[in-house]
Amino acid sequence: MLAKLTRGNQITIPKEIIRRAHLREGNDYVEVEYADGIIHLRPVEVEARIPPEAFERFARAVQRREIGDVKGEKKETVENIIRRWGKRR
């Protein structure tokens, strides 16, 4: 299959190759290597990294707070706490 290199050094990978490699737009990364005249693209999983100090602050906040422990306060799930802390990064 033929693909064209753009002025911005981008190449569009044909849909059939994307489908066969089980890649998803915006969610997947590929390792790019060049060896013996061949460009290799290898799907890889990337793990989001949270700095240790940010995780420690988050863990302390969760431990201090009992879910829904304040009278009249809207009950909060752990997922909401995680989402809120994610916005602070």
PDB file of N, CA and C in Angstrom:
ATOM      1  N   MET A   1       0.850  -1.181   0.000  1.00  0.00           N
ATOM      2  CA  MET A   1       0.000   0.000   0.000  1.00  0.00           C
ATOM      3  C   MET A   1       0.888   1.233   0.000  1.00  0.00           C
ATOM      4  N   LEU A   2       0.429   2.249  -0.645  1.00  0.00           N
ATOM      5  CA  LEU A   2       1.193   3.471  -0.790  1.00  0.00           C
ATOM      6  C   LEU A   2       0.688   4.528   0.183  1.00  0.00           C
ATOM      7  N   ALA A   3       1.603   5.239   0.833  1.00  0.00           N
ATOM      8  CA  ALA A   3       1.245   6.342   1.726  1.00  0.00           C
ATOM      9  C   ALA A   3       2.163   7.518   1.413  1.00  0.00           C
ATOM     10  N   LYS A   4       1.646   8.735   1.534  1.00  0.00           N
ATOM     11  CA  LYS A   4       2.404   9.924   1.168  1.00  0.00           C
ATOM     12  C   LYS A   4       2.892  10.643   2.427  1.00  0.00           C
ATOM     13  N   LEU A   5       4.146  11.087   2.407  1.00  0.00           N
ATOM     14  CA  LEU A   5       4.715  11.884   3.486  1.00  0.00           C
ATOM     15  C   LEU A   5       4.345  13.341   3.242  1.00  0.00           C
ATOM     16  N   THR A   6       3.722  13.995   4.237  1.00  0.00           N
ATOM     17  CA  THR A   6       3.320  15.398   4.081  1.00  0.00           C
ATOM     18  C   THR A   6       4.478  16.322   4.450  1.00  0.00           C
ATOM     19  N   ARG A   7       4.280  17.615   4.184  1.00  0.00           N
ATOM     20  CA  ARG A   7       5.289  18.614   4.517  1.00  0.00           C
ATOM     21  C   ARG A   7       5.580  18.631   6.020  1.00  0.00           C
ATOM     22  N   GLY A   8       4.596  18.276   6.828  1.00  0.00           N
ATOM     23  CA  GLY A   8       4.766  18.243   8.282  1.00  0.00           C
ATOM     24  C   GLY A   8       5.323  16.917   8.785  1.00  0.00           C
ATOM     25  N   ASN A   9       5.907  16.123   7.896  1.00  0.00           N
ATOM     26  CA  ASN A   9       6.486  14.812   8.244  1.00  0.00           C
ATOM     27  C   ASN A   9       5.458  13.849   8.809  1.00  0.00           C
ATOM     28  N   GLN A  10       4.231  13.922   8.321  1.00  0.00           N
ATOM     29  CA  GLN A  10       3.189  13.006   8.757  1.00  0.00           C
ATOM     30  C   GLN A  10       2.841  12.049   7.624  1.00  0.00           C
ATOM     31  N   ILE A  11       2.516  10.820   8.026  1.00  0.00           N
ATOM     32  CA  ILE A  11       2.101   9.796   7.070  1.00  0.00           C
ATOM     33  C   ILE A  11       0.752   9.261   7.516  1.00  0.00           C
ATOM     34  N   THR A  12      -0.174   9.159   6.579  1.00  0.00           N
ATOM     35  CA  THR A  12      -1.456   8.554   6.883  1.00  0.00           C
ATOM     36  C   THR A  12      -1.345   7.057   6.657  1.00  0.00           C
ATOM     37  N   ILE A  13      -1.631   6.295   7.717  1.00  0.00           N
ATOM     38  CA  ILE A  13      -1.584   4.842   7.605  1.00  0.00           C
ATOM     39  C   ILE A  13      -2.920   4.375   7.039  1.00  0.00           C
ATOM     40  N   PRO A  14      -2.902   3.566   6.007  1.00  0.00           N
ATOM     41  CA  PRO A  14      -4.162   3.104   5.394  1.00  0.00           C
ATOM     42  C   PRO A  14      -5.077   2.408   6.412  1.00  0.00           C
ATOM     43  N   LYS A  15      -6.394   2.591   6.227  1.00  0.00           N
ATOM     44  CA  LYS A  15      -7.397   2.028   7.143  1.00  0.00           C
ATOM     45  C   LYS A  15      -7.231   0.531   7.352  1.00  0.00           C
ATOM     46  N   GLU A  16      -6.924  -0.191   6.299  1.00  0.00           N
ATOM     47  CA  GLU A  16      -6.799  -1.646   6.405  1.00  0.00           C
ATOM     48  C   GLU A  16      -5.670  -2.024   7.376  1.00  0.00           C
ATOM     49  N   ILE A  17      -4.574  -1.295   7.331  1.00  0.00           N
ATOM     50  CA  ILE A  17      -3.456  -1.561   8.242  1.00  0.00           C
ATOM     51  C   ILE A  17      -3.853  -1.214   9.676  1.00  0.00           C
ATOM     52  N   ILE A  18      -4.541  -0.101   9.853  1.00  0.00           N
ATOM     53  CA  ILE A  18      -5.020   0.305  11.186  1.00  0.00           C
ATOM     54  C   ILE A  18      -5.937  -0.774  11.750  1.00  0.00           C
ATOM     55  N   ARG A  19      -6.840  -1.262  10.918  1.00  0.00           N
ATOM     56  CA  ARG A  19      -7.781  -2.297  11.355  1.00  0.00           C
ATOM     57  C   ARG A  19      -7.043  -3.578  11.734  1.00  0.00           C
ATOM     58  N   ARG A  20      -6.121  -4.005  10.891  1.00  0.00           N
ATOM     59  CA  ARG A  20      -5.387  -5.248  11.153  1.00  0.00           C
ATOM     60  C   ARG A  20      -4.499  -5.141  12.386  1.00  0.00           C
ATOM     61  N   ALA A  21      -4.006  -3.944  12.675  1.00  0.00           N
ATOM     62  CA  ALA A  21      -3.138  -3.745  13.848  1.00  0.00           C
ATOM     63  C   ALA A  21      -3.944  -3.449  15.109  1.00  0.00           C
ATOM     64  N   HIS A  22      -5.274  -3.337  14.979  1.00  0.00           N
ATOM     65  CA  HIS A  22      -6.173  -3.048  16.108  1.00  0.00           C
ATOM     66  C   HIS A  22      -5.811  -1.731  16.798  1.00  0.00           C
ATOM     67  N   LEU A  23      -5.491  -0.716  16.005  1.00  0.00           N
ATOM     68  CA  LEU A  23      -5.167   0.606  16.552  1.00  0.00           C
ATOM     69  C   LEU A  23      -6.426   1.454  16.620  1.00  0.00           C
ATOM     70  N   ARG A  24      -6.494   2.344  17.633  1.00  0.00           N
ATOM     71  CA  ARG A  24      -7.638   3.245  17.806  1.00  0.00           C
ATOM     72  C   ARG A  24      -7.129   4.679  17.866  1.00  0.00           C
ATOM     73  N   GLU A  25      -7.775   5.562  17.127  1.00  0.00           N
ATOM     74  CA  GLU A  25      -7.383   6.969  17.075  1.00  0.00           C
ATOM     75  C   GLU A  25      -7.391   7.589  18.468  1.00  0.00           C
ATOM     76  N   GLY A  26      -6.318   8.266  18.789  1.00  0.00           N
ATOM     77  CA  GLY A  26      -6.244   8.988  20.052  1.00  0.00           C
ATOM     78  C   GLY A  26      -5.893   8.141  21.259  1.00  0.00           C
ATOM     79  N   ASN A  27      -5.983   6.817  21.148  1.00  0.00           N
ATOM     80  CA  ASN A  27      -5.730   5.952  22.305  1.00  0.00           C
ATOM     81  C   ASN A  27      -4.458   5.135  22.187  1.00  0.00           C
ATOM     82  N   ASP A  28      -3.952   4.990  21.001  1.00  0.00           N
ATOM     83  CA  ASP A  28      -2.829   4.092  20.801  1.00  0.00           C
ATOM     84  C   ASP A  28      -1.581   4.843  20.347  1.00  0.00           C
ATOM     85  N   TYR A  29      -0.432   4.275  20.705  1.00  0.00           N
ATOM     86  CA  TYR A  29       0.866   4.800  20.309  1.00  0.00           C
ATOM     87  C   TYR A  29       1.631   3.707  19.581  1.00  0.00           C
ATOM     88  N   VAL A  30       2.581   4.130  18.760  1.00  0.00           N
ATOM     89  CA  VAL A  30       3.441   3.166  18.082  1.00  0.00           C
ATOM     90  C   VAL A  30       4.892   3.551  18.320  1.00  0.00           C
ATOM     91  N   GLU A  31       5.721   2.545  18.491  1.00  0.00           N
ATOM     92  CA  GLU A  31       7.169   2.719  18.579  1.00  0.00           C
ATOM     93  C   GLU A  31       7.672   2.785  17.146  1.00  0.00           C
ATOM     94  N   VAL A  32       8.499   3.776  16.827  1.00  0.00           N
ATOM     95  CA  VAL A  32       9.004   3.945  15.474  1.00  0.00           C
ATOM     96  C   VAL A  32      10.507   3.681  15.484  1.00  0.00           C
ATOM     97  N   GLU A  33      10.948   2.753  14.639  1.00  0.00           N
ATOM     98  CA  GLU A  33      12.368   2.431  14.538  1.00  0.00           C
ATOM     99  C   GLU A  33      12.751   2.333  13.067  1.00  0.00           C
ATOM    100  N   TYR A  34      14.023   2.579  12.788  1.00  0.00           N
ATOM    101  CA  TYR A  34      14.539   2.443  11.430  1.00  0.00           C
ATOM    102  C   TYR A  34      15.725   1.496  11.471  1.00  0.00           C
ATOM    103  N   ALA A  35      15.677   0.445  10.676  1.00  0.00           N
ATOM    104  CA  ALA A  35      16.780  -0.518  10.629  1.00  0.00           C
ATOM    105  C   ALA A  35      16.851  -1.145   9.246  1.00  0.00           C
ATOM    106  N   ASP A  36      18.035  -1.198   8.702  1.00  0.00           N
ATOM    107  CA  ASP A  36      18.272  -1.874   7.416  1.00  0.00           C
ATOM    108  C   ASP A  36      17.345  -1.385   6.305  1.00  0.00           C
ATOM    109  N   GLY A  37      17.111  -0.065   6.261  1.00  0.00           N
ATOM    110  CA  GLY A  37      16.288   0.504   5.199  1.00  0.00           C
ATOM    111  C   GLY A  37      14.795   0.327   5.380  1.00  0.00           C
ATOM    112  N   ILE A  38      14.375  -0.163   6.561  1.00  0.00           N
ATOM    113  CA  ILE A  38      12.946  -0.408   6.817  1.00  0.00           C
ATOM    114  C   ILE A  38      12.503   0.405   8.029  1.00  0.00           C
ATOM    115  N   ILE A  39      11.368   1.096   7.891  1.00  0.00           N
ATOM    116  CA  ILE A  39      10.760   1.806   9.022  1.00  0.00           C
ATOM    117  C   ILE A  39       9.797   0.834   9.691  1.00  0.00           C
ATOM    118  N   HIS A  40      10.008   0.591  10.969  1.00  0.00           N
ATOM    119  CA  HIS A  40       9.164  -0.336  11.729  1.00  0.00           C
ATOM    120  C   HIS A  40       8.244   0.463  12.641  1.00  0.00           C
ATOM    121  N   LEU A  41       6.961   0.154  12.609  1.00  0.00           N
ATOM    122  CA  LEU A  41       5.978   0.729  13.527  1.00  0.00           C
ATOM    123  C   LEU A  41       5.454  -0.419  14.378  1.00  0.00           C
ATOM    124  N   ARG A  42       5.615  -0.304  15.692  1.00  0.00           N
ATOM    125  CA  ARG A  42       5.177  -1.376  16.595  1.00  0.00           C
ATOM    126  C   ARG A  42       4.223  -0.791  17.631  1.00  0.00           C
ATOM    127  N   PRO A  43       2.964  -1.283  17.687  1.00  0.00           N
ATOM    128  CA  PRO A  43       2.020  -0.781  18.696  1.00  0.00           C
ATOM    129  C   PRO A  43       2.580  -1.026  20.105  1.00  0.00           C
ATOM    130  N   VAL A  44       2.451  -0.025  20.965  1.00  0.00           N
ATOM    131  CA  VAL A  44       2.895  -0.152  22.351  1.00  0.00           C
ATOM    132  C   VAL A  44       1.817   0.422  23.270  1.00  0.00           C
ATOM    133  N   GLU A  45       1.805  -0.044  24.507  1.00  0.00           N
ATOM    134  CA  GLU A  45       0.899   0.511  25.508  1.00  0.00           C
ATOM    135  C   GLU A  45       1.666   1.525  26.337  1.00  0.00           C
ATOM    136  N   VAL A  46       1.066   2.676  26.531  1.00  0.00           N
ATOM    137  CA  VAL A  46       1.687   3.738  27.312  1.00  0.00           C
ATOM    138  C   VAL A  46       0.903   3.879  28.602  1.00  0.00           C
ATOM    139  N   GLU A  47       1.609   3.838  29.711  1.00  0.00           N
ATOM    140  CA  GLU A  47       0.977   3.947  31.021  1.00  0.00           C
ATOM    141  C   GLU A  47       1.085   5.396  31.500  1.00  0.00           C
ATOM    142  N   ALA A  48      -0.044   5.963  31.879  1.00  0.00           N
ATOM    143  CA  ALA A  48      -0.022   7.319  32.425  1.00  0.00           C
ATOM    144  C   ALA A  48       0.747   7.315  33.738  1.00  0.00           C
ATOM    145  N   ARG A  49       1.622   8.271  33.905  1.00  0.00           N
ATOM    146  CA  ARG A  49       2.448   8.349  35.110  1.00  0.00           C
ATOM    147  C   ARG A  49       2.000   9.525  35.967  1.00  0.00           C
ATOM    148  N   ILE A  50       1.772   9.253  37.231  1.00  0.00           N
ATOM    149  CA  ILE A  50       1.432  10.296  38.194  1.00  0.00           C
ATOM    150  C   ILE A  50       2.655  10.484  39.074  1.00  0.00           C
ATOM    151  N   PRO A  51       3.150  11.719  39.216  1.00  0.00           N
ATOM    152  CA  PRO A  51       4.314  11.927  40.078  1.00  0.00           C
ATOM    153  C   PRO A  51       4.021  11.398  41.485  1.00  0.00           C
ATOM    154  N   PRO A  52       5.006  10.751  42.128  1.00  0.00           N
ATOM    155  CA  PRO A  52       4.782  10.152  43.454  1.00  0.00           C
ATOM    156  C   PRO A  52       4.214  11.133  44.478  1.00  0.00           C
ATOM    157  N   GLU A  53       4.687  12.382  44.451  1.00  0.00           N
ATOM    158  CA  GLU A  53       4.179  13.353  45.443  1.00  0.00           C
ATOM    159  C   GLU A  53       2.707  13.680  45.206  1.00  0.00           C
ATOM    160  N   ALA A  54       2.270  13.713  43.950  1.00  0.00           N
ATOM    161  CA  ALA A  54       0.862  13.973  43.654  1.00  0.00           C
ATOM    162  C   ALA A  54       0.008  12.797  44.119  1.00  0.00           C
ATOM    163  N   PHE A  55       0.489  11.572  43.913  1.00  0.00           N
ATOM    164  CA  PHE A  55      -0.259  10.404  44.351  1.00  0.00           C
ATOM    165  C   PHE A  55      -0.358  10.374  45.874  1.00  0.00           C
ATOM    166  N   GLU A  56       0.720  10.721  46.566  1.00  0.00           N
ATOM    167  CA  GLU A  56       0.694  10.739  48.036  1.00  0.00           C
ATOM    168  C   GLU A  56      -0.323  11.753  48.556  1.00  0.00           C
ATOM    169  N   ARG A  57      -0.377  12.956  47.941  1.00  0.00           N
ATOM    170  CA  ARG A  57      -1.375  13.961  48.338  1.00  0.00           C
ATOM    171  C   ARG A  57      -2.779  13.434  48.122  1.00  0.00           C
ATOM    172  N   PHE A  58      -2.986  12.784  46.991  1.00  0.00           N
ATOM    173  CA  PHE A  58      -4.293  12.219  46.683  1.00  0.00           C
ATOM    174  C   PHE A  58      -4.674  11.149  47.700  1.00  0.00           C
ATOM    175  N   ALA A  59      -3.740  10.241  48.005  1.00  0.00           N
ATOM    176  CA  ALA A  59      -4.023   9.159  48.955  1.00  0.00           C
ATOM    177  C   ALA A  59      -4.367   9.724  50.328  1.00  0.00           C
ATOM    178  N   ARG A  60      -3.661  10.757  50.766  1.00  0.00           N
ATOM    179  CA  ARG A  60      -3.970  11.373  52.073  1.00  0.00           C
ATOM    180  C   ARG A  60      -5.364  11.997  52.060  1.00  0.00           C
ATOM    181  N   ALA A  61      -5.722  12.642  50.947  1.00  0.00           N
ATOM    182  CA  ALA A  61      -7.038  13.277  50.853  1.00  0.00           C
ATOM    183  C   ALA A  61      -8.149  12.243  50.925  1.00  0.00           C
ATOM    184  N   VAL A  62      -7.958  11.120  50.254  1.00  0.00           N
ATOM    185  CA  VAL A  62      -8.975  10.066  50.275  1.00  0.00           C
ATOM    186  C   VAL A  62      -9.077   9.458  51.667  1.00  0.00           C
ATOM    187  N   GLN A  63      -7.951   9.259  52.340  1.00  0.00           N
ATOM    188  CA  GLN A  63      -7.956   8.669  53.681  1.00  0.00           C
ATOM    189  C   GLN A  63      -8.615   9.587  54.707  1.00  0.00           C
ATOM    190  N   ARG A  64      -8.443  10.907  54.547  1.00  0.00           N
ATOM    191  CA  ARG A  64      -9.038  11.865  55.485  1.00  0.00           C
ATOM    192  C   ARG A  64     -10.551  11.919  55.359  1.00  0.00           C
ATOM    193  N   ARG A  65     -11.033  11.584  54.210  1.00  0.00           N
ATOM    194  CA  ARG A  65     -12.439  11.796  53.916  1.00  0.00           C
ATOM    195  C   ARG A  65     -13.197  10.481  53.846  1.00  0.00           C
ATOM    196  N   GLU A  66     -14.195  10.356  54.662  1.00  0.00           N
ATOM    197  CA  GLU A  66     -15.106   9.222  54.562  1.00  0.00           C
ATOM    198  C   GLU A  66     -16.170   9.612  53.553  1.00  0.00           C
ATOM    199  N   ILE A  67     -16.443   8.763  52.619  1.00  0.00           N
ATOM    200  CA  ILE A  67     -17.405   9.073  51.567  1.00  0.00           C
ATOM    201  C   ILE A  67     -18.772   9.369  52.184  1.00  0.00           C
ATOM    202  N   GLY A  68     -19.302  10.575  51.912  1.00  0.00           N
ATOM    203  CA  GLY A  68     -20.626  10.965  52.390  1.00  0.00           C
ATOM    204  C   GLY A  68     -20.711  11.128  53.900  1.00  0.00           C
ATOM    205  N   ASP A  69     -19.600  11.479  54.562  1.00  0.00           N
ATOM    206  CA  ASP A  69     -19.605  11.542  56.016  1.00  0.00           C
ATOM    207  C   ASP A  69     -20.076  12.882  56.585  1.00  0.00           C
ATOM    208  N   VAL A  70     -20.215  13.893  55.767  1.00  0.00           N
ATOM    209  CA  VAL A  70     -20.639  15.199  56.258  1.00  0.00           C
ATOM    210  C   VAL A  70     -22.144  15.345  56.049  1.00  0.00           C
ATOM    211  N   LYS A  71     -22.860  15.649  57.128  1.00  0.00           N
ATOM    212  CA  LYS A  71     -24.317  15.747  57.059  1.00  0.00           C
ATOM    213  C   LYS A  71     -24.732  16.846  56.072  1.00  0.00           C
ATOM    214  N   GLY A  72     -25.644  16.512  55.203  1.00  0.00           N
ATOM    215  CA  GLY A  72     -26.151  17.480  54.242  1.00  0.00           C
ATOM    216  C   GLY A  72     -25.267  17.639  53.014  1.00  0.00           C
ATOM    217  N   GLU A  73     -24.095  17.050  53.042  1.00  0.00           N
ATOM    218  CA  GLU A  73     -23.204  17.159  51.896  1.00  0.00           C
ATOM    219  C   GLU A  73     -23.552  16.093  50.872  1.00  0.00           C
ATOM    220  N   LYS A  74     -23.454  16.461  49.637  1.00  0.00           N
ATOM    221  CA  LYS A  74     -23.719  15.509  48.570  1.00  0.00           C
ATOM    222  C   LYS A  74     -22.750  14.332  48.686  1.00  0.00           C
ATOM    223  N   LYS A  75     -23.286  13.125  48.630  1.00  0.00           N
ATOM    224  CA  LYS A  75     -22.418  11.947  48.699  1.00  0.00           C
ATOM    225  C   LYS A  75     -21.507  11.927  47.486  1.00  0.00           C
ATOM    226  N   GLU A  76     -20.276  11.543  47.713  1.00  0.00           N
ATOM    227  CA  GLU A  76     -19.282  11.565  46.660  1.00  0.00           C
ATOM    228  C   GLU A  76     -18.664  10.180  46.512  1.00  0.00           C
ATOM    229  N   THR A  77     -18.478   9.778  45.291  1.00  0.00           N
ATOM    230  CA  THR A  77     -17.877   8.474  45.045  1.00  0.00           C
ATOM    231  C   THR A  77     -16.365   8.636  44.910  1.00  0.00           C
ATOM    232  N   VAL A  78     -15.658   7.545  45.088  1.00  0.00           N
ATOM    233  CA  VAL A  78     -14.211   7.562  44.915  1.00  0.00           C
ATOM    234  C   VAL A  78     -13.880   7.969  43.478  1.00  0.00           C
ATOM    235  N   GLU A  79     -14.684   7.532  42.510  1.00  0.00           N
ATOM    236  CA  GLU A  79     -14.449   7.887  41.114  1.00  0.00           C
ATOM    237  C   GLU A  79     -14.504   9.406  40.925  1.00  0.00           C
ATOM    238  N   ASN A  80     -15.461  10.075  41.590  1.00  0.00           N
ATOM    239  CA  ASN A  80     -15.550  11.537  41.478  1.00  0.00           C
ATOM    240  C   ASN A  80     -14.339  12.205  42.108  1.00  0.00           C
ATOM    241  N   ILE A  81     -13.866  11.668  43.218  1.00  0.00           N
ATOM    242  CA  ILE A  81     -12.675  12.235  43.862  1.00  0.00           C
ATOM    243  C   ILE A  81     -11.479  12.094  42.919  1.00  0.00           C
ATOM    244  N   ILE A  82     -11.327  10.927  42.307  1.00  0.00           N
ATOM    245  CA  ILE A  82     -10.222  10.703  41.374  1.00  0.00           C
ATOM    246  C   ILE A  82     -10.334  11.660  40.191  1.00  0.00           C
ATOM    247  N   ARG A  83     -11.540  11.823  39.637  1.00  0.00           N
ATOM    248  CA  ARG A  83     -11.747  12.728  38.507  1.00  0.00           C
ATOM    249  C   ARG A  83     -11.373  14.161  38.887  1.00  0.00           C
ATOM    250  N   ARG A  84     -11.796  14.603  40.080  1.00  0.00           N
ATOM    251  CA  ARG A  84     -11.509  15.953  40.530  1.00  0.00           C
ATOM    252  C   ARG A  84      -9.993  16.162  40.689  1.00  0.00           C
ATOM    253  N   TRP A  85      -9.303  15.188  41.264  1.00  0.00           N
ATOM    254  CA  TRP A  85      -7.864  15.295  41.455  1.00  0.00           C
ATOM    255  C   TRP A  85      -7.144  15.258  40.117  1.00  0.00           C
ATOM    256  N   GLY A  86      -7.688  14.527  39.144  1.00  0.00           N
ATOM    257  CA  GLY A  86      -7.069  14.466  37.823  1.00  0.00           C
ATOM    258  C   GLY A  86      -7.042  15.821  37.146  1.00  0.00           C
ATOM    259  N   LYS A  87      -8.046  16.661  37.414  1.00  0.00           N
ATOM    260  CA  LYS A  87      -8.108  17.991  36.823  1.00  0.00           C
ATOM    261  C   LYS A  87      -7.063  18.924  37.423  1.00  0.00           C
ATOM    262  N   ARG A  88      -6.544  18.594  38.595  1.00  0.00           N
ATOM    263  CA  ARG A  88      -5.559  19.448  39.264  1.00  0.00           C
ATOM    264  C   ARG A  88      -4.144  19.232  38.739  1.00  0.00           C
ATOM    265  N   ARG A  89      -3.916  18.129  38.038  1.00  0.00           N
ATOM    266  CA  ARG A  89      -2.558  17.828  37.552  1.00  0.00           C
ATOM    267  C   ARG A  89      -2.145  18.766  36.470  1.00  0.00           C
TER     268      ARG A  89
END
